[in-house]
Amino acid sequence: MILSKWVSVELNLPEIETPVLACVRGIDHPVVLEVRVEHCNPMIEGYHEDFKYWDDPINDGQDYGDTVYCWQPLPQMFAAD
């Protein structure tokens, strides 16, 4: 069994919309999150640049802001026979 190592968010981010295990300040166990990109429309919104944010893939809109400090890929699922 190969165990992944934790990656600091300051060094690297996972691919966009790829679920990963993430460590979040204030939560005492890893949670499944993904990085998403908000594409901004300056005609509608007051900001002009696209930005990345951490989100819960199950509970859309649960933004974790700057509280994620490291992540690792999800382990492969066991194939049931």
C-alpha atoms as a PDB file:
ATOM      1  CA  MET A   1       0.000   0.000   0.000  1.00  0.00           C
ATOM      2  CA  ILE A   2       1.374   3.402  -1.017  1.00  0.00           C
ATOM      3  CA  LEU A   3       0.543   6.241   1.322  1.00  0.00           C
ATOM      4  CA  SER A   4       0.437   9.773  -0.053  1.00  0.00           C
ATOM      5  CA  LYS A   5       2.201  12.582   1.710  1.00  0.00           C
ATOM      6  CA  TRP A   6       0.505  15.771   2.789  1.00  0.00           C
ATOM      7  CA  VAL A   7       1.137  18.759   0.523  1.00  0.00           C
ATOM      8  CA  SER A   8       1.155  22.315   1.854  1.00  0.00           C
ATOM      9  CA  VAL A   9      -1.282  24.630   0.057  1.00  0.00           C
ATOM     10  CA  GLU A  10       1.553  27.162  -0.028  1.00  0.00           C
ATOM     11  CA  LEU A  11       3.573  24.788  -2.250  1.00  0.00           C
ATOM     12  CA  ASN A  12       0.921  23.356  -4.553  1.00  0.00           C
ATOM     13  CA  LEU A  13      -2.839  23.003  -5.096  1.00  0.00           C
ATOM     14  CA  PRO A  14      -4.667  19.975  -6.499  1.00  0.00           C
ATOM     15  CA  GLU A  15      -6.234  20.005  -9.944  1.00  0.00           C
ATOM     16  CA  ILE A  16      -9.429  22.034 -10.164  1.00  0.00           C
ATOM     17  CA  GLU A  17     -12.592  20.137  -9.095  1.00  0.00           C
ATOM     18  CA  THR A  18     -10.645  17.036  -8.044  1.00  0.00           C
ATOM     19  CA  PRO A  19     -11.742  15.793  -4.597  1.00  0.00           C
ATOM     20  CA  VAL A  20      -8.876  15.433  -2.099  1.00  0.00           C
ATOM     21  CA  LEU A  21      -8.419  14.920   1.630  1.00  0.00           C
ATOM     22  CA  ALA A  22      -7.788  18.293   3.246  1.00  0.00           C
ATOM     23  CA  CYS A  23      -6.717  19.431   6.699  1.00  0.00           C
ATOM     24  CA  VAL A  24      -8.736  22.415   7.894  1.00  0.00           C
ATOM     25  CA  ARG A  25      -7.967  24.632  10.885  1.00  0.00           C
ATOM     26  CA  GLY A  26     -10.585  24.064  13.578  1.00  0.00           C
ATOM     27  CA  ILE A  27     -11.578  20.571  12.359  1.00  0.00           C
ATOM     28  CA  ASP A  28      -9.796  17.651  14.043  1.00  0.00           C
ATOM     29  CA  HIS A  29     -10.011  15.198  11.105  1.00  0.00           C
ATOM     30  CA  PRO A  30      -9.389  15.435   7.335  1.00  0.00           C
ATOM     31  CA  VAL A  31     -12.373  16.301   5.141  1.00  0.00           C
ATOM     32  CA  VAL A  32     -13.024  15.771   1.431  1.00  0.00           C
ATOM     33  CA  LEU A  33     -12.791  19.096  -0.414  1.00  0.00           C
ATOM     34  CA  GLU A  34     -11.934  20.376  -3.874  1.00  0.00           C
ATOM     35  CA  VAL A  35     -10.535  23.585  -5.331  1.00  0.00           C
ATOM     36  CA  ARG A  36     -12.929  25.475  -7.564  1.00  0.00           C
ATOM     37  CA  VAL A  37     -12.574  28.575  -9.716  1.00  0.00           C
ATOM     38  CA  GLU A  38     -15.019  31.458  -9.622  1.00  0.00           C
ATOM     39  CA  HIS A  39     -15.183  33.124 -13.025  1.00  0.00           C
ATOM     40  CA  CYS A  40     -16.106  36.753 -12.504  1.00  0.00           C
ATOM     41  CA  ASN A  41     -18.243  38.935 -14.703  1.00  0.00           C
ATOM     42  CA  PRO A  42     -17.209  42.574 -14.084  1.00  0.00           C
ATOM     43  CA  MET A  43     -20.524  43.745 -15.566  1.00  0.00           C
ATOM     44  CA  ILE A  44     -22.423  42.092 -12.704  1.00  0.00           C
ATOM     45  CA  GLU A  45     -19.937  41.685  -9.840  1.00  0.00           C
ATOM     46  CA  GLY A  46     -17.820  44.290  -8.124  1.00  0.00           C
ATOM     47  CA  TYR A  47     -14.571  42.360  -8.611  1.00  0.00           C
ATOM     48  CA  HIS A  48     -12.779  41.731 -11.884  1.00  0.00           C
ATOM     49  CA  GLU A  49     -10.470  38.751 -11.400  1.00  0.00           C
ATOM     50  CA  ASP A  50     -11.202  35.039 -11.312  1.00  0.00           C
ATOM     51  CA  PHE A  51     -10.256  33.399  -8.014  1.00  0.00           C
ATOM     52  CA  LYS A  52      -9.766  29.924  -6.555  1.00  0.00           C
ATOM     53  CA  TYR A  53     -11.430  28.680  -3.389  1.00  0.00           C
ATOM     54  CA  TRP A  54     -11.866  25.460  -1.383  1.00  0.00           C
ATOM     55  CA  ASP A  55     -15.372  23.993  -1.438  1.00  0.00           C
ATOM     56  CA  ASP A  56     -17.191  20.904  -0.209  1.00  0.00           C
ATOM     57  CA  PRO A  57     -18.147  18.833  -3.300  1.00  0.00           C
ATOM     58  CA  ILE A  58     -21.271  17.511  -1.509  1.00  0.00           C
ATOM     59  CA  ASN A  59     -22.419  20.770   0.125  1.00  0.00           C
ATOM     60  CA  ASP A  60     -21.917  23.294  -2.676  1.00  0.00           C
ATOM     61  CA  GLY A  61     -21.306  26.764  -1.338  1.00  0.00           C
ATOM     62  CA  GLN A  62     -19.546  25.645   1.854  1.00  0.00           C
ATOM     63  CA  ASP A  63     -16.461  27.838   1.304  1.00  0.00           C
ATOM     64  CA  TYR A  64     -13.474  27.062   3.562  1.00  0.00           C
ATOM     65  CA  GLY A  65     -11.565  30.258   2.744  1.00  0.00           C
ATOM     66  CA  ASP A  66      -8.015  30.342   4.118  1.00  0.00           C
ATOM     67  CA  THR A  67      -8.569  27.568   6.674  1.00  0.00           C
ATOM     68  CA  VAL A  68      -7.155  24.714   4.535  1.00  0.00           C
ATOM     69  CA  TYR A  69      -3.449  24.235   5.204  1.00  0.00           C
ATOM     70  CA  CYS A  70      -2.578  20.917   3.501  1.00  0.00           C
ATOM     71  CA  TRP A  71      -4.068  18.197   1.286  1.00  0.00           C
ATOM     72  CA  GLN A  72      -3.390  14.780  -0.242  1.00  0.00           C
ATOM     73  CA  PRO A  73      -5.004  12.743  -3.034  1.00  0.00           C
ATOM     74  CA  LEU A  74      -7.838  10.422  -2.069  1.00  0.00           C
ATOM     75  CA  PRO A  75      -6.814   6.767  -1.746  1.00  0.00           C
ATOM     76  CA  GLN A  76      -8.003   4.405  -4.464  1.00  0.00           C
ATOM     77  CA  MET A  77     -11.204   2.572  -3.599  1.00  0.00           C
ATOM     78  CA  PHE A  78     -11.051  -1.128  -2.889  1.00  0.00           C
ATOM     79  CA  ALA A  79     -12.553  -3.075  -5.790  1.00  0.00           C
ATOM     80  CA  ALA A  80     -15.207  -5.446  -4.456  1.00  0.00           C
ATOM     81  CA  ASP A  81     -15.391  -8.760  -6.292  1.00  0.00           C
END
